[in-house]
Each structure stands twice: as C-alpha cells, then as structure tokens.
Amino acid sequence: MFPLLADPGGTVAKAYDVLNPKNKLAKRVTFVINKNGDIAKIFNVAKAGDHPQEVLDYVKKNLPKN
C-alpha cells in the first residue's frame, strides 16, 4: 500500500510547479518520493495504459525495500 494525495485547492500542485496556469488544472505527473522525502523521479503521464508498469519497474529497480 502507498498513500495517495488529494489536492482540491491546488496547493500542492502549485508547490510542485505542475499547475497549468491557463486552465488551473494540475498536469498529469507522478512523483516517486523516497524514504528521505526527496523526489527520486518525476514521470510525465503520456500514456495512461503504460504508466503504472513504468513507475512500478522504476521503483522495483531503484528504491530499496524497507
């Protein structure tokens, strides 16, 4: 399990610089954050179908378990 974030006010989207100023919607981006709270990888979601596997492969290969 992993936590997900809801950001109805756009506060986090602004802080991570992913808020589209034209339509006030967040860009489709996935941040992988390591145990230290640092951003390990940023994925721009181009194809929703391929995206989950791409992120999972990255996490399995690059982030330590527990």
C-alpha atoms as a PDB file:
ATOM      1  CA  MET A   1       0.000   0.000   0.000  1.00  0.00           C
ATOM      2  CA  PHE A   2       1.070   3.563  -0.578  1.00  0.00           C
ATOM      3  CA  PRO A   3      -0.509   6.897   0.227  1.00  0.00           C
ATOM      4  CA  LEU A   4      -2.235   8.992  -2.412  1.00  0.00           C
ATOM      5  CA  LEU A   5      -2.862  12.700  -2.179  1.00  0.00           C
ATOM      6  CA  ALA A   6      -5.979  14.708  -2.951  1.00  0.00           C
ATOM      7  CA  ASP A   7      -5.357  18.390  -3.692  1.00  0.00           C
ATOM      8  CA  PRO A   8      -8.705  20.063  -4.373  1.00  0.00           C
ATOM      9  CA  GLY A   9      -7.358  23.564  -3.662  1.00  0.00           C
ATOM     10  CA  GLY A  10      -4.281  23.166  -5.859  1.00  0.00           C
ATOM     11  CA  THR A  11      -1.857  23.986  -3.035  1.00  0.00           C
ATOM     12  CA  VAL A  12       0.413  21.010  -3.682  1.00  0.00           C
ATOM     13  CA  ALA A  13       0.205  21.409  -7.454  1.00  0.00           C
ATOM     14  CA  LYS A  14       1.452  24.973  -7.085  1.00  0.00           C
ATOM     15  CA  ALA A  15       4.241  23.935  -4.711  1.00  0.00           C
ATOM     16  CA  TYR A  16       5.471  21.262  -7.155  1.00  0.00           C
ATOM     17  CA  ASP A  17       5.055  23.583 -10.141  1.00  0.00           C
ATOM     18  CA  VAL A  18       2.607  21.361 -12.006  1.00  0.00           C
ATOM     19  CA  LEU A  19      -0.413  23.656 -12.046  1.00  0.00           C
ATOM     20  CA  ASN A  20      -1.353  24.713 -15.561  1.00  0.00           C
ATOM     21  CA  PRO A  21      -1.944  28.485 -15.321  1.00  0.00           C
ATOM     22  CA  LYS A  22      -4.319  28.538 -18.299  1.00  0.00           C
ATOM     23  CA  ASN A  23      -6.933  26.126 -17.010  1.00  0.00           C
ATOM     24  CA  LYS A  24      -5.921  25.812 -13.323  1.00  0.00           C
ATOM     25  CA  LEU A  25      -5.677  22.026 -13.611  1.00  0.00           C
ATOM     26  CA  ALA A  26      -2.671  20.021 -12.489  1.00  0.00           C
ATOM     27  CA  LYS A  27      -0.556  18.407 -15.180  1.00  0.00           C
ATOM     28  CA  ARG A  28      -0.639  14.613 -15.191  1.00  0.00           C
ATOM     29  CA  VAL A  29       2.555  13.839 -13.320  1.00  0.00           C
ATOM     30  CA  THR A  30       3.658  11.119 -10.917  1.00  0.00           C
ATOM     31  CA  PHE A  31       6.316  11.867  -8.326  1.00  0.00           C
ATOM     32  CA  VAL A  32       8.202   8.988  -6.744  1.00  0.00           C
ATOM     33  CA  ILE A  33       9.315  10.176  -3.318  1.00  0.00           C
ATOM     34  CA  ASN A  34      11.940   8.221  -1.407  1.00  0.00           C
ATOM     35  CA  LYS A  35      12.053   7.483   2.323  1.00  0.00           C
ATOM     36  CA  ASN A  36      14.006  10.692   2.961  1.00  0.00           C
ATOM     37  CA  GLY A  37      11.178  12.727   1.434  1.00  0.00           C
ATOM     38  CA  ASP A  38      13.210  13.610  -1.658  1.00  0.00           C
ATOM     39  CA  ILE A  39      11.814  13.391  -5.181  1.00  0.00           C
ATOM     40  CA  ALA A  40      13.533  10.366  -6.710  1.00  0.00           C
ATOM     41  CA  LYS A  41      11.856  10.529 -10.131  1.00  0.00           C
ATOM     42  CA  ILE A  42       9.235  12.544 -11.985  1.00  0.00           C
ATOM     43  CA  PHE A  43       7.090  10.847 -14.608  1.00  0.00           C
ATOM     44  CA  ASN A  44       5.006  12.842 -17.073  1.00  0.00           C
ATOM     45  CA  VAL A  45       1.976  10.722 -17.852  1.00  0.00           C
ATOM     46  CA  ALA A  46       1.913  10.361 -21.620  1.00  0.00           C
ATOM     47  CA  LYS A  47       0.092   7.054 -21.977  1.00  0.00           C
ATOM     48  CA  ALA A  48      -2.080   6.063 -19.061  1.00  0.00           C
ATOM     49  CA  GLY A  49      -2.005   2.402 -20.074  1.00  0.00           C
ATOM     50  CA  ASP A  50       1.796   2.122 -19.916  1.00  0.00           C
ATOM     51  CA  HIS A  51       2.296   4.416 -16.948  1.00  0.00           C
ATOM     52  CA  PRO A  52       1.637   2.130 -13.948  1.00  0.00           C
ATOM     53  CA  GLN A  53       4.068  -0.527 -15.154  1.00  0.00           C
ATOM     54  CA  GLU A  54       6.720   2.079 -15.950  1.00  0.00           C
ATOM     55  CA  VAL A  55       6.511   3.512 -12.423  1.00  0.00           C
ATOM     56  CA  LEU A  56       6.461   0.070 -10.802  1.00  0.00           C
ATOM     57  CA  ASP A  57       9.524  -1.037 -12.785  1.00  0.00           C
ATOM     58  CA  TYR A  58      11.394   2.081 -11.701  1.00  0.00           C
ATOM     59  CA  VAL A  59      10.506   1.630  -8.028  1.00  0.00           C
ATOM     60  CA  LYS A  60      11.467  -2.053  -8.000  1.00  0.00           C
ATOM     61  CA  LYS A  61      14.811  -1.326  -9.678  1.00  0.00           C
ATOM     62  CA  ASN A  62      15.843   1.876  -7.934  1.00  0.00           C
ATOM     63  CA  LEU A  63      14.376   2.152  -4.470  1.00  0.00           C
ATOM     64  CA  PRO A  64      15.472  -0.051  -1.563  1.00  0.00           C
ATOM     65  CA  LYS A  65      12.959  -2.276   0.141  1.00  0.00           C
ATOM     66  CA  ASN A  66      12.231  -1.318   3.744  1.00  0.00           C
END
